[in-house]
Amino acid sequence: MASTNNKFLVVGAALSGVAALMHLACLVVGAPLFRLLGAGEQMAQLHSAGHWYPTVITLVIASVLAGWSAYALSGAGVIRKLPLQRTILAAITIIYIVRGVAFVPVMAYFPGNSVTFWLVSSCICLLIGLVHLVGLRQSWGRLSGGAA
């Protein structure tokens, strides 16, 4: 049944999964990876000092991304149908796209992040959002709550 799987949503799931793993890698590697990925010097220093904040924030973000990956796999037909599948996939798609294009106003709330971080992460988010959008559009009818 692999031919019925939505390849765009599978790719979207993989990209969200990689993003989740990159966040978790920051906790293992530590401050150098926080710095390399542009999370900001404050996050790197807090992590080096053993502060709880970077760990909690990173685990929350990784968990959300892993959940988004599961929803994309569900929408792709790889795993069982999850609750509110179409609505949540639409929300995930919108969040990725908005994060990708509207980063300038958000930058003010996270002054420790580098401009490089904002540009690279925004391009990545936009790409993932567009992949989700294509996949969601292809599967929209199949994802409706009723019987198809």
Protein backbone atom coordinates (compact mmCIF):
# COMPACT_ATOMS: atom_id res chain seq x y z
CA MET A 1 0.00 0.00 0.00
CA ALA A 2 3.00 2.28 -0.19
CA SER A 3 1.62 3.75 -3.41
CA THR A 4 -1.33 5.26 -1.51
CA ASN A 5 0.93 7.08 0.97
CA ASN A 6 1.19 10.82 0.47
CA LYS A 7 4.87 11.36 -0.26
CA PHE A 8 4.79 15.07 0.59
CA LEU A 9 3.39 14.41 4.05
CA VAL A 10 5.96 11.63 4.56
CA VAL A 11 8.71 14.13 3.68
CA GLY A 12 7.09 16.72 5.98
CA ALA A 13 7.05 14.15 8.78
CA ALA A 14 10.72 13.35 8.18
CA LEU A 15 11.67 17.04 8.23
CA SER A 16 9.77 17.63 11.49
CA GLY A 17 11.40 14.51 12.91
CA VAL A 18 14.88 15.71 11.97
CA ALA A 19 14.12 19.10 13.53
CA ALA A 20 13.02 17.35 16.74
CA LEU A 21 16.24 15.29 16.78
CA MET A 22 18.36 18.40 16.21
CA HIS A 23 16.77 20.01 19.24
CA LEU A 24 17.46 16.91 21.33
CA ALA A 25 21.03 16.86 20.05
CA CYS A 26 21.52 20.29 21.60
CA LEU A 27 20.86 18.76 25.01
CA VAL A 28 23.45 16.03 24.39
CA VAL A 29 26.17 18.11 22.71
CA GLY A 30 25.51 21.17 24.83
CA ALA A 31 26.40 24.82 24.45
CA PRO A 32 28.46 24.47 21.25
CA LEU A 33 25.46 23.09 19.34
CA PHE A 34 23.11 25.67 20.87
CA ARG A 35 25.54 28.29 19.53
CA LEU A 36 26.00 26.62 16.14
CA LEU A 37 22.26 26.41 15.58
CA GLY A 38 21.86 30.05 16.60
CA ALA A 39 19.84 29.67 19.77
CA GLY A 40 21.74 32.54 21.32
CA GLU A 41 24.57 32.97 23.75
CA GLN A 42 22.23 33.24 26.72
CA MET A 43 20.72 29.80 26.02
CA ALA A 44 24.21 28.32 25.58
CA GLN A 45 25.43 29.83 28.85
CA LEU A 46 22.33 28.78 30.76
CA HIS A 47 22.73 25.22 29.48
CA SER A 48 26.43 25.21 30.43
CA ALA A 49 25.51 26.41 33.91
CA GLY A 50 23.03 23.55 34.33
CA HIS A 51 19.98 25.81 34.38
CA TRP A 52 16.63 24.10 33.80
CA TYR A 53 15.28 26.60 31.25
CA PRO A 54 17.13 25.49 28.07
CA THR A 55 16.36 21.84 28.80
CA VAL A 56 12.65 22.40 29.37
CA ILE A 57 12.22 24.71 26.36
CA THR A 58 14.17 22.34 24.12
CA LEU A 59 12.19 19.30 25.28
CA VAL A 60 8.89 21.11 24.71
CA ILE A 61 9.91 22.16 21.19
CA ALA A 62 11.21 18.65 20.36
CA SER A 63 7.99 17.10 21.68
CA VAL A 64 5.82 19.42 19.60
CA LEU A 65 7.88 18.69 16.49
CA ALA A 66 7.66 14.93 17.14
CA GLY A 67 3.89 15.25 17.50
CA TRP A 68 3.73 17.18 14.24
CA SER A 69 5.75 14.42 12.60
CA ALA A 70 3.27 11.83 13.86
CA TYR A 71 0.34 13.83 12.48
CA ALA A 72 2.02 14.12 9.08
CA LEU A 73 2.63 10.35 9.06
CA SER A 74 -0.99 9.82 9.98
CA GLY A 75 -2.17 12.15 7.23
CA ALA A 76 0.14 10.37 4.80
CA GLY A 77 -1.52 7.06 5.61
CA VAL A 78 1.62 5.53 7.14
CA ILE A 79 0.22 5.18 10.66
CA ARG A 80 -3.32 5.01 12.02
CA LYS A 81 -5.62 8.00 11.82
CA LEU A 82 -5.11 10.44 14.69
CA PRO A 83 -7.87 12.63 16.19
CA LEU A 84 -8.73 15.88 14.39
CA GLN A 85 -6.22 14.92 11.72
CA ARG A 86 -7.23 17.40 9.02
CA THR A 87 -7.68 20.32 11.41
CA ILE A 88 -4.37 19.74 13.17
CA LEU A 89 -2.47 19.21 9.92
CA ALA A 90 -3.93 22.47 8.61
CA ALA A 91 -2.85 24.25 11.80
CA ILE A 92 0.66 22.74 11.59
CA THR A 93 0.94 23.87 7.97
CA ILE A 94 -0.19 27.40 8.82
CA ILE A 95 2.20 27.63 11.79
CA TYR A 96 5.17 26.53 9.68
CA ILE A 97 4.34 28.98 6.89
CA VAL A 98 3.64 31.90 9.21
CA ARG A 99 6.85 31.18 11.15
CA GLY A 100 8.69 31.14 7.84
CA VAL A 101 7.42 34.46 6.53
CA ALA A 102 6.62 36.54 9.62
CA PHE A 103 9.83 36.18 11.59
CA VAL A 104 10.76 39.87 11.68
CA PRO A 105 8.13 40.87 14.29
CA VAL A 106 8.95 37.78 16.36
CA MET A 107 12.67 38.61 16.45
CA ALA A 108 12.08 41.35 19.02
CA TYR A 109 10.83 38.78 21.55
CA PHE A 110 14.01 36.69 21.23
CA PRO A 111 16.88 39.21 21.09
CA GLY A 112 19.56 36.61 21.86
CA ASN A 113 19.08 34.75 18.59
CA SER A 114 21.36 35.67 15.70
CA VAL A 115 20.14 37.07 12.38
CA THR A 116 21.59 33.96 10.76
CA PHE A 117 19.41 31.83 13.02
CA TRP A 118 16.30 33.76 11.98
CA LEU A 119 17.06 33.61 8.26
CA VAL A 120 18.04 29.95 8.16
CA SER A 121 15.32 28.69 10.50
CA SER A 122 12.67 30.78 8.73
CA CYS A 123 13.64 29.37 5.33
CA ILE A 124 13.53 25.85 6.78
CA CYS A 125 10.12 26.48 8.35
CA LEU A 126 8.77 27.93 5.11
CA LEU A 127 10.05 24.92 3.16
CA ILE A 128 8.49 22.46 5.62
CA GLY A 129 5.24 24.44 5.55
CA LEU A 130 5.09 24.37 1.76
CA VAL A 131 5.79 20.63 1.70
CA HIS A 132 2.93 20.15 4.18
CA LEU A 133 0.69 22.42 2.12
CA VAL A 134 1.17 20.36 -1.03
CA GLY A 135 0.65 17.12 0.88
CA LEU A 136 -2.38 18.44 2.70
CA ARG A 137 -3.92 19.69 -0.53
CA GLN A 138 -3.41 16.30 -2.15
CA SER A 139 -5.03 14.46 0.78
CA TRP A 140 -7.65 17.00 1.84
CA GLY A 141 -10.69 14.99 0.72
CA ARG A 142 -9.39 11.75 2.13
CA LEU A 143 -8.68 13.42 5.47
CA SER A 144 -12.26 14.57 5.99
CA GLY A 145 -14.00 13.12 9.01
CA GLY A 146 -16.61 11.22 7.01
CA ALA A 147 -16.32 7.96 5.18
CA ALA A 148 -14.75 8.27 1.77
